N, C-alpha and C. Protein backbone atom coordinates (compact mmCIF):
# COMPACT_ATOMS: atom_id res chain seq x y z
N UNK A 1 100.64 83.70 93.98
CA UNK A 1 99.75 84.16 95.03
C UNK A 1 100.38 85.36 95.73
N UNK A 2 99.56 86.29 96.11
CA UNK A 2 100.06 87.48 96.79
C UNK A 2 100.44 87.15 98.22
N UNK A 3 101.59 87.64 98.63
CA UNK A 3 102.04 87.41 100.00
C UNK A 3 101.18 88.24 100.96
N UNK A 4 101.02 87.75 102.15
CA UNK A 4 100.17 88.41 103.14
C UNK A 4 100.67 89.80 103.49
N UNK A 5 101.97 89.98 103.50
CA UNK A 5 102.54 91.27 103.87
C UNK A 5 103.00 92.09 102.67
N UNK A 6 102.56 91.71 101.47
CA UNK A 6 103.01 92.44 100.28
C UNK A 6 102.24 93.75 100.11
N UNK A 7 102.92 94.70 99.52
CA UNK A 7 102.28 95.98 99.23
C UNK A 7 101.22 95.84 98.14
N UNK A 8 101.42 94.88 97.24
CA UNK A 8 100.45 94.67 96.17
C UNK A 8 99.09 94.26 96.73
N UNK A 9 99.08 93.38 97.71
CA UNK A 9 97.81 92.97 98.33
C UNK A 9 97.17 94.13 99.07
N UNK A 10 97.98 94.89 99.77
CA UNK A 10 97.48 96.05 100.50
C UNK A 10 96.85 97.07 99.54
N UNK A 11 97.51 97.33 98.44
CA UNK A 11 96.99 98.29 97.45
C UNK A 11 95.72 97.74 96.80
N UNK A 12 95.70 96.46 96.48
CA UNK A 12 94.52 95.84 95.87
C UNK A 12 93.30 95.96 96.78
N UNK A 13 93.46 95.64 98.05
CA UNK A 13 92.34 95.72 98.98
C UNK A 13 91.95 97.18 99.23
N UNK A 14 92.92 98.08 99.27
CA UNK A 14 92.61 99.50 99.47
C UNK A 14 91.80 100.05 98.30
N UNK A 15 92.20 99.70 97.09
CA UNK A 15 91.46 100.16 95.91
C UNK A 15 90.06 99.58 95.91
N UNK A 16 89.94 98.30 96.25
CA UNK A 16 88.61 97.67 96.30
C UNK A 16 87.75 98.30 97.38
N UNK A 17 88.34 98.60 98.54
CA UNK A 17 87.57 99.19 99.64
C UNK A 17 87.10 100.60 99.30
N UNK A 18 87.85 101.30 98.47
CA UNK A 18 87.45 102.65 98.07
C UNK A 18 86.47 102.60 96.90
N UNK A 19 86.73 101.71 95.95
CA UNK A 19 85.90 101.65 94.74
C UNK A 19 84.53 101.02 94.99
N UNK A 20 84.46 100.06 95.90
CA UNK A 20 83.20 99.34 96.13
C UNK A 20 82.04 100.26 96.52
N UNK A 21 82.21 101.17 97.49
CA UNK A 21 81.09 102.06 97.81
C UNK A 21 80.72 103.00 96.66
N UNK A 22 81.72 103.40 95.88
CA UNK A 22 81.43 104.27 94.73
C UNK A 22 80.59 103.51 93.71
N UNK A 23 80.99 102.28 93.42
CA UNK A 23 80.23 101.45 92.48
C UNK A 23 78.83 101.20 93.01
N UNK A 24 78.72 100.91 94.30
CA UNK A 24 77.41 100.67 94.90
C UNK A 24 76.51 101.89 94.84
N UNK A 25 77.08 103.06 95.08
CA UNK A 25 76.29 104.29 95.03
C UNK A 25 75.80 104.58 93.62
N UNK A 26 76.67 104.41 92.65
CA UNK A 26 76.28 104.63 91.25
C UNK A 26 75.20 103.63 90.85
N UNK A 27 75.39 102.37 91.21
CA UNK A 27 74.39 101.36 90.87
C UNK A 27 73.07 101.66 91.55
N UNK A 28 73.11 102.03 92.82
CA UNK A 28 71.89 102.33 93.58
C UNK A 28 71.13 103.49 92.94
N UNK A 29 71.86 104.53 92.57
CA UNK A 29 71.23 105.70 91.96
C UNK A 29 70.56 105.32 90.64
N UNK A 30 71.24 104.51 89.85
CA UNK A 30 70.67 104.10 88.56
C UNK A 30 69.47 103.18 88.75
N UNK A 31 69.51 102.31 89.75
CA UNK A 31 68.39 101.39 89.96
C UNK A 31 67.16 102.14 90.48
N UNK A 32 67.37 103.18 91.26
CA UNK A 32 66.24 103.98 91.73
C UNK A 32 65.60 104.72 90.56
N UNK A 33 66.44 105.26 89.69
CA UNK A 33 65.91 105.98 88.53
C UNK A 33 65.20 105.04 87.56
N UNK A 34 65.68 103.79 87.46
CA UNK A 34 65.07 102.83 86.54
C UNK A 34 63.85 102.16 87.16
N UNK A 35 63.58 102.43 88.43
CA UNK A 35 62.44 101.88 89.16
C UNK A 35 62.44 100.35 89.14
N UNK A 36 63.59 99.80 89.47
CA UNK A 36 63.69 98.35 89.57
C UNK A 36 62.98 97.86 90.82
N UNK A 37 62.83 96.57 90.93
CA UNK A 37 62.15 95.95 92.07
C UNK A 37 62.77 96.40 93.38
N UNK A 38 61.92 96.79 94.32
CA UNK A 38 62.45 97.28 95.59
C UNK A 38 63.06 96.15 96.42
N UNK A 39 62.56 94.92 96.27
CA UNK A 39 63.14 93.79 97.01
C UNK A 39 64.55 93.51 96.51
N UNK A 40 64.72 93.45 95.21
CA UNK A 40 66.04 93.22 94.63
C UNK A 40 66.99 94.36 94.94
N UNK A 41 66.48 95.57 94.90
CA UNK A 41 67.31 96.73 95.20
C UNK A 41 67.73 96.72 96.67
N UNK A 42 66.82 96.32 97.55
CA UNK A 42 67.14 96.26 98.97
C UNK A 42 68.18 95.18 99.26
N UNK A 43 68.00 94.00 98.67
CA UNK A 43 68.98 92.92 98.87
C UNK A 43 70.35 93.31 98.32
N UNK A 44 70.36 93.92 97.16
CA UNK A 44 71.63 94.35 96.58
C UNK A 44 72.27 95.44 97.44
N UNK A 45 71.45 96.32 97.99
CA UNK A 45 71.99 97.35 98.88
C UNK A 45 72.63 96.75 100.12
N UNK A 46 71.98 95.75 100.69
CA UNK A 46 72.57 95.05 101.84
C UNK A 46 73.85 94.34 101.45
N UNK A 47 73.86 93.73 100.28
CA UNK A 47 75.06 93.05 99.80
C UNK A 47 76.21 94.04 99.65
N UNK A 48 75.94 95.18 99.04
CA UNK A 48 76.98 96.20 98.89
C UNK A 48 77.48 96.68 100.25
N UNK A 49 76.58 96.84 101.21
CA UNK A 49 76.98 97.31 102.54
C UNK A 49 77.84 96.27 103.26
N UNK A 50 77.43 95.02 103.21
CA UNK A 50 78.17 93.96 103.91
C UNK A 50 79.55 93.77 103.29
N UNK A 51 79.61 93.70 101.97
CA UNK A 51 80.91 93.53 101.31
C UNK A 51 81.80 94.74 101.56
N UNK A 52 81.23 95.92 101.57
CA UNK A 52 82.01 97.12 101.87
C UNK A 52 82.60 97.08 103.27
N UNK A 53 81.81 96.62 104.23
CA UNK A 53 82.31 96.49 105.60
C UNK A 53 83.41 95.44 105.70
N UNK A 54 83.23 94.32 105.00
CA UNK A 54 84.26 93.28 105.01
C UNK A 54 85.56 93.77 104.38
N UNK A 55 85.44 94.55 103.32
CA UNK A 55 86.65 95.11 102.70
C UNK A 55 87.34 96.10 103.64
N UNK A 56 86.56 96.89 104.36
CA UNK A 56 87.15 97.84 105.31
C UNK A 56 87.85 97.10 106.45
N UNK A 57 87.25 96.03 106.93
CA UNK A 57 87.87 95.24 108.00
C UNK A 57 89.14 94.57 107.48
N UNK A 58 89.09 94.03 106.27
CA UNK A 58 90.27 93.39 105.68
C UNK A 58 91.40 94.40 105.50
N UNK A 59 91.07 95.59 105.06
CA UNK A 59 92.09 96.63 104.89
C UNK A 59 92.71 97.00 106.23
N UNK A 60 91.88 97.14 107.25
CA UNK A 60 92.40 97.44 108.58
C UNK A 60 93.32 96.33 109.08
N UNK A 61 92.89 95.08 108.89
CA UNK A 61 93.72 93.95 109.29
C UNK A 61 95.07 93.98 108.57
N UNK A 62 95.05 94.22 107.27
CA UNK A 62 96.30 94.21 106.50
C UNK A 62 97.23 95.34 106.93
N UNK A 63 96.69 96.51 107.16
CA UNK A 63 97.53 97.64 107.59
C UNK A 63 98.17 97.34 108.94
N UNK A 64 97.37 96.87 109.89
CA UNK A 64 97.89 96.56 111.23
C UNK A 64 98.88 95.40 111.16
N UNK A 65 98.56 94.38 110.37
CA UNK A 65 99.46 93.24 110.25
C UNK A 65 100.78 93.63 109.59
N UNK A 66 100.74 94.49 108.59
CA UNK A 66 101.98 94.95 107.96
C UNK A 66 102.82 95.77 108.93
N UNK A 67 102.17 96.51 109.79
CA UNK A 67 102.90 97.36 110.74
C UNK A 67 103.53 96.54 111.87
N UNK A 68 102.79 95.60 112.42
CA UNK A 68 103.26 94.87 113.60
C UNK A 68 103.67 93.42 113.33
N UNK A 69 103.47 92.92 112.12
CA UNK A 69 103.90 91.58 111.69
C UNK A 69 103.37 90.48 112.61
N UNK A 70 102.07 90.49 112.87
CA UNK A 70 101.47 89.41 113.65
C UNK A 70 101.57 88.09 112.89
N UNK A 71 101.25 88.14 111.60
CA UNK A 71 101.33 86.97 110.73
C UNK A 71 102.22 87.35 109.55
N UNK A 72 103.24 86.54 109.29
CA UNK A 72 104.16 86.88 108.21
C UNK A 72 103.85 86.14 106.92
N UNK A 73 102.99 85.12 106.99
CA UNK A 73 102.64 84.38 105.79
C UNK A 73 101.22 83.84 105.94
N UNK A 74 100.70 83.33 104.83
CA UNK A 74 99.36 82.74 104.86
C UNK A 74 99.34 81.49 105.74
N UNK A 75 100.45 80.77 105.79
CA UNK A 75 100.53 79.58 106.64
C UNK A 75 100.48 79.96 108.11
N UNK A 76 101.11 81.07 108.47
CA UNK A 76 101.01 81.55 109.85
C UNK A 76 99.56 81.88 110.21
N UNK A 77 98.85 82.45 109.26
CA UNK A 77 97.47 82.87 109.52
C UNK A 77 96.51 81.69 109.58
N UNK A 78 96.57 80.80 108.60
CA UNK A 78 95.60 79.71 108.51
C UNK A 78 96.12 78.37 109.01
N UNK A 79 97.40 78.26 109.28
CA UNK A 79 97.97 76.99 109.71
C UNK A 79 98.43 76.18 108.50
N UNK A 80 99.17 75.13 108.76
CA UNK A 80 99.67 74.32 107.64
C UNK A 80 98.53 73.57 106.96
N UNK A 81 98.73 73.29 105.70
CA UNK A 81 97.76 72.53 104.93
C UNK A 81 97.77 71.09 105.44
N UNK A 82 96.62 70.60 105.86
CA UNK A 82 96.53 69.26 106.45
C UNK A 82 96.95 68.20 105.45
N UNK A 83 96.61 68.38 104.19
CA UNK A 83 96.97 67.38 103.18
C UNK A 83 98.47 67.29 103.00
N UNK A 84 99.17 68.40 103.19
CA UNK A 84 100.62 68.39 103.03
C UNK A 84 101.33 67.82 104.24
N UNK A 85 100.75 67.97 105.42
CA UNK A 85 101.45 67.55 106.64
C UNK A 85 101.05 66.16 107.11
N UNK A 86 99.98 65.63 106.58
CA UNK A 86 99.52 64.31 107.01
C UNK A 86 100.21 63.24 106.17
N UNK A 87 100.75 62.27 106.85
CA UNK A 87 101.36 61.15 106.13
C UNK A 87 100.79 59.85 106.69
N UNK A 88 100.71 58.88 105.84
CA UNK A 88 100.18 57.57 106.24
C UNK A 88 101.36 56.68 106.59
N UNK A 89 101.30 56.12 107.77
CA UNK A 89 102.37 55.23 108.20
C UNK A 89 101.81 53.81 108.30
N UNK A 90 102.55 52.90 107.77
CA UNK A 90 102.12 51.51 107.89
C UNK A 90 102.87 50.87 109.05
N UNK A 91 102.17 50.06 109.76
CA UNK A 91 102.80 49.38 110.89
C UNK A 91 103.11 47.95 110.48
N UNK A 92 104.34 47.65 110.44
CA UNK A 92 104.66 46.28 110.13
C UNK A 92 105.73 46.09 109.19
């Protein structure tokens, strides 16, 4: 698994954040030329926009987190796994 502060994760999200709008634009242009359903094209356009925004927010979070080290690991960010920390105690 990629570490939260690793450069590999930062590069992966940066490439995705840059490539996603390009892919969406190319797809949109081709779907307009092919005269596909406007409802499907509209929903897909919204999907591309929302995912693009989420990728931009994730990239911003990763850059700021790498700079200021708010969270150093996934456990810091999400908390400990409940299944790993919970133990059953018997009384008696």
